[in-house]
């Protein structure tokens, strides 16, 4: 039964995107971000909710990493690159290729660490840490649950404490409830309540800028349709 729980949990962090970016310049000397950086990011970020392919995630990860290499003091390119690798791992797991998870997580881990280094105590980063730990667990759920399960839960709790208005917190929390059997704490009704709360948060949510995280609404709508 435990193995069933962890297999079902694989669906909790599926988002994807694709795009390309070239010619990104570094931030200006006074610390302000460059116009080219913002435009390059704006060309990529909206695709997070619209592309669902291994090829797209691979291209997007590379694009964000190129931006990160040029903009070493900006946390968002590292965040999005890590997100791409995590979601690529999730898609490969769904394709019954769990052996492909760890290599992708090995790529995501330093990117996530860099994002956290640049942006400490950030709810979005902790949401990603939750997804990362869940992904690591899914590579070998029976032997890794005691390590990565609590780490995933702790990261999500921290994300909520840091920003109770973050809709992605409630989306991820609802997915946990939805995919976990009731005998192990899951609940379709609780999931529906959490999805409804996530929708309320999305209705009032305003990202800090055009390139800050705003993903998840399309995923939420899908989950709400499944929870009916």
Protein backbone atom coordinates (compact mmCIF):
# COMPACT_ATOMS: atom_id res chain seq x y z
CA UNK A 1 0.00 0.00 0.00
CA UNK A 2 2.83 2.40 0.82
CA UNK A 3 4.22 1.94 -2.67
CA UNK A 4 0.81 2.83 -4.08
CA UNK A 5 0.78 6.08 -2.11
CA UNK A 6 4.10 7.18 -3.45
CA UNK A 7 3.26 6.22 -7.02
CA UNK A 8 0.10 8.28 -6.85
CA UNK A 9 2.02 11.21 -5.42
CA UNK A 10 4.00 11.45 -8.63
CA UNK A 11 1.23 13.54 -10.15
CA UNK A 12 1.53 16.37 -7.65
CA UNK A 13 4.15 18.43 -9.41
CA UNK A 14 3.39 18.34 -13.11
CA UNK A 15 3.96 21.59 -14.96
CA UNK A 16 5.95 22.17 -18.11
CA UNK A 17 7.20 24.74 -20.58
CA UNK A 18 9.42 25.36 -23.58
CA UNK A 19 11.24 28.30 -25.19
CA UNK A 20 14.65 29.64 -26.19
CA UNK A 21 16.68 32.68 -25.17
CA UNK A 22 19.90 34.19 -26.52
CA UNK A 23 21.96 37.34 -26.10
CA UNK A 24 21.14 37.98 -22.46
CA UNK A 25 23.28 40.66 -20.83
CA UNK A 26 24.24 41.04 -17.19
CA UNK A 27 22.59 43.30 -14.66
CA UNK A 28 23.57 46.94 -14.67
CA UNK A 29 26.29 48.19 -12.37
CA UNK A 30 23.83 49.86 -10.00
CA UNK A 31 22.08 46.55 -9.30
CA UNK A 32 19.04 47.08 -11.50
CA UNK A 33 18.18 44.30 -13.92
CA UNK A 34 18.79 44.93 -17.59
CA UNK A 35 16.01 45.35 -20.11
CA UNK A 36 17.37 42.46 -22.17
CA UNK A 37 17.22 40.20 -19.12
CA UNK A 38 13.59 41.05 -18.43
CA UNK A 39 12.59 40.62 -22.06
CA UNK A 40 14.39 37.29 -22.31
CA UNK A 41 12.60 36.06 -19.20
CA UNK A 42 9.24 37.39 -20.37
CA UNK A 43 9.60 35.30 -23.53
CA UNK A 44 9.95 32.14 -21.44
CA UNK A 45 7.88 32.44 -18.28
CA UNK A 46 4.37 32.37 -19.85
CA UNK A 47 5.14 29.00 -21.45
CA UNK A 48 5.35 27.33 -18.04
CA UNK A 49 1.64 26.56 -18.09
CA UNK A 50 1.26 25.79 -21.79
CA UNK A 51 3.86 23.28 -22.99
CA UNK A 52 3.80 19.61 -22.05
CA UNK A 53 6.64 17.70 -23.65
CA UNK A 54 10.04 16.30 -22.75
CA UNK A 55 11.60 18.24 -25.61
CA UNK A 56 10.01 21.48 -24.46
CA UNK A 57 11.24 21.09 -20.90
CA UNK A 58 14.73 20.28 -22.13
CA UNK A 59 14.82 23.41 -24.28
CA UNK A 60 13.42 25.59 -21.51
CA UNK A 61 15.87 24.33 -18.92
CA UNK A 62 18.75 25.15 -21.24
CA UNK A 63 17.36 28.60 -21.95
CA UNK A 64 16.99 29.47 -18.28
CA UNK A 65 20.45 28.13 -17.50
CA UNK A 66 21.94 30.37 -20.19
CA UNK A 67 20.22 33.34 -18.61
CA UNK A 68 21.41 32.26 -15.16
CA UNK A 69 24.99 32.10 -16.44
CA UNK A 70 24.69 35.70 -17.63
CA UNK A 71 22.67 36.95 -14.65
CA UNK A 72 24.44 35.29 -11.74
CA UNK A 73 22.82 37.55 -9.16
CA UNK A 74 19.23 36.85 -10.24
CA UNK A 75 17.42 33.99 -8.51
CA UNK A 76 14.58 33.51 -10.99
CA UNK A 77 16.55 31.87 -13.85
CA UNK A 78 17.95 29.31 -11.41
CA UNK A 79 14.47 28.72 -9.98
CA UNK A 80 12.88 28.14 -13.38
CA UNK A 81 15.71 25.94 -14.64
CA UNK A 82 15.34 23.73 -11.56
CA UNK A 83 11.58 23.66 -12.06
CA UNK A 84 12.05 22.40 -15.62
CA UNK A 85 14.27 19.54 -14.53
CA UNK A 86 11.89 18.56 -11.75
CA UNK A 87 8.92 18.49 -14.10
CA UNK A 88 10.87 16.63 -16.75
CA UNK A 89 11.64 13.99 -14.12
CA UNK A 90 7.96 13.81 -13.25
CA UNK A 91 7.00 13.26 -16.88
CA UNK A 92 9.59 10.51 -17.29
CA UNK A 93 8.27 8.82 -14.15
CA UNK A 94 4.79 8.87 -15.64
CA UNK A 95 6.33 7.21 -18.69
CA UNK A 96 7.59 4.44 -16.37
CA UNK A 97 11.20 5.57 -16.44
CA UNK A 98 11.96 6.16 -12.73
CA UNK A 99 15.62 5.41 -13.35
CA UNK A 100 15.81 8.74 -15.18
CA UNK A 101 14.76 10.78 -12.13
CA UNK A 102 18.03 10.97 -10.20
CA UNK A 103 20.15 12.32 -13.08
CA UNK A 104 17.66 15.14 -13.57
CA UNK A 105 17.46 15.86 -9.85
CA UNK A 106 21.25 16.02 -9.80
CA UNK A 107 20.93 18.87 -12.29
CA UNK A 108 18.09 20.55 -10.40
CA UNK A 109 19.68 20.44 -6.96
CA UNK A 110 22.51 22.98 -7.45
CA UNK A 111 20.17 25.30 -9.34
CA UNK A 112 17.65 25.18 -6.52
CA UNK A 113 20.42 25.74 -3.98
CA UNK A 114 21.60 28.79 -5.90
CA UNK A 115 18.08 30.19 -6.07
CA UNK A 116 17.75 29.79 -2.31
CA UNK A 117 21.15 31.37 -1.74
CA UNK A 118 20.07 34.44 -3.70
CA UNK A 119 16.51 34.56 -2.35
CA UNK A 120 16.36 33.31 1.22
CA UNK A 121 13.09 32.66 3.04
CA UNK A 122 11.00 32.76 -0.11
CA UNK A 123 7.70 30.88 -0.37
CA UNK A 124 8.17 30.07 -4.05
CA UNK A 125 11.59 28.56 -3.42
CA UNK A 126 10.16 26.40 -0.66
CA UNK A 127 7.35 25.22 -2.93
CA UNK A 128 10.04 24.11 -5.35
CA UNK A 129 11.96 22.42 -2.52
CA UNK A 130 8.79 20.50 -1.71
CA UNK A 131 8.52 19.36 -5.33
CA UNK A 132 12.21 18.45 -5.44
CA UNK A 133 11.99 16.25 -2.35
CA UNK A 134 8.88 14.54 -3.65
CA UNK A 135 10.66 13.85 -6.92
CA UNK A 136 13.68 12.38 -5.16
CA UNK A 137 11.38 10.16 -3.14
CA UNK A 138 9.62 8.86 -6.26
CA UNK A 139 12.86 7.52 -7.69
CA UNK A 140 12.83 4.85 -4.96
CA UNK A 141 9.81 5.42 -2.70
CA UNK A 142 10.15 2.42 -0.41
CA UNK A 143 13.70 3.23 0.67
CA UNK A 144 13.53 7.01 0.49
CA UNK A 145 10.23 7.87 2.14
CA UNK A 146 11.69 8.39 5.61
CA UNK A 147 14.21 10.88 4.23
CA UNK A 148 12.42 12.79 1.51
CA UNK A 149 8.81 12.47 2.67
CA UNK A 150 9.27 14.57 5.82
CA UNK A 151 11.54 16.98 3.94
CA UNK A 152 8.80 17.57 1.36
CA UNK A 153 6.17 18.15 4.05
CA UNK A 154 8.42 20.50 5.99
CA UNK A 155 9.22 22.54 2.88
CA UNK A 156 5.52 22.96 2.09
CA UNK A 157 4.75 24.02 5.66
CA UNK A 158 7.52 26.60 5.47
CA UNK A 159 6.21 27.87 2.14
CA UNK A 160 2.80 28.47 3.71
CA UNK A 161 4.27 30.24 6.73
CA UNK A 162 6.35 32.53 4.52
CA UNK A 163 3.39 33.48 2.32
CA UNK A 164 -0.11 32.25 3.28
CA UNK A 165 -1.44 33.96 0.14
CA UNK A 166 0.66 31.89 -2.27
CA UNK A 167 -1.85 29.85 -4.33
CA UNK A 168 0.72 27.22 -5.28
CA UNK A 169 0.98 26.18 -1.63
CA UNK A 170 -2.68 25.14 -1.58
CA UNK A 171 -2.46 23.52 -5.00
CA UNK A 172 0.41 21.30 -3.88
CA UNK A 173 -1.26 20.59 -0.55
CA UNK A 174 -4.50 19.68 -2.29
CA UNK A 175 -2.72 17.34 -4.67
CA UNK A 176 -1.16 15.53 -1.73
CA UNK A 177 -4.60 15.01 -0.22
CA UNK A 178 -6.13 13.99 -3.54
CA UNK A 179 -3.59 11.33 -4.48
CA UNK A 180 -3.01 9.82 -1.03
CA UNK A 181 -5.38 6.99 0.01
CA UNK A 182 -7.66 7.82 2.92
CA UNK A 183 -6.05 5.13 5.07
CA UNK A 184 -2.86 7.18 4.96
CA UNK A 185 -4.34 10.61 5.50
CA UNK A 186 -5.70 11.40 2.05
CA UNK A 187 -9.13 12.87 1.47
CA UNK A 188 -10.88 13.83 -1.75
CA UNK A 189 -13.16 16.20 0.19
CA UNK A 190 -10.23 17.95 1.87
CA UNK A 191 -8.54 18.15 -1.50
CA UNK A 192 -11.58 19.88 -2.98
CA UNK A 193 -11.53 22.40 -0.12
CA UNK A 194 -7.85 23.09 -0.68
CA UNK A 195 -8.35 23.45 -4.43
CA UNK A 196 -11.15 25.93 -3.80
CA UNK A 197 -8.84 27.87 -1.50
CA UNK A 198 -6.11 27.82 -4.14
CA UNK A 199 -8.56 29.23 -6.68
CA UNK A 200 -9.46 32.09 -4.32
CA UNK A 201 -5.77 32.83 -3.87
CA UNK A 202 -5.19 32.80 -7.63
CA UNK A 203 -8.06 35.25 -8.15
CA UNK A 204 -6.35 37.81 -5.92
CA UNK A 205 -2.73 36.83 -6.54
CA UNK A 206 -0.47 39.37 -8.21
CA UNK A 207 3.10 38.30 -9.00
CA UNK A 208 5.81 40.74 -7.97
CA UNK A 209 6.66 41.30 -11.64
CA UNK A 210 5.99 39.93 -15.11
CA UNK A 211 8.69 37.31 -14.61
CA UNK A 212 7.94 36.15 -11.08
CA UNK A 213 6.22 32.76 -10.57
CA UNK A 214 2.58 32.71 -11.60
CA UNK A 215 2.25 29.10 -12.80
CA UNK A 216 -0.32 26.61 -11.61
CA UNK A 217 -3.75 27.91 -12.58
CA UNK A 218 -4.24 25.54 -15.51
CA UNK A 219 -3.05 22.66 -13.37
CA UNK A 220 -5.47 23.69 -10.63
CA UNK A 221 -8.41 23.76 -13.05
CA UNK A 222 -7.53 20.24 -14.17
CA UNK A 223 -7.34 18.99 -10.58
CA UNK A 224 -10.67 20.61 -9.72
CA UNK A 225 -12.27 18.83 -12.68
CA UNK A 226 -10.88 15.53 -11.42
CA UNK A 227 -12.10 16.15 -7.88
CA UNK A 228 -15.75 16.60 -8.86
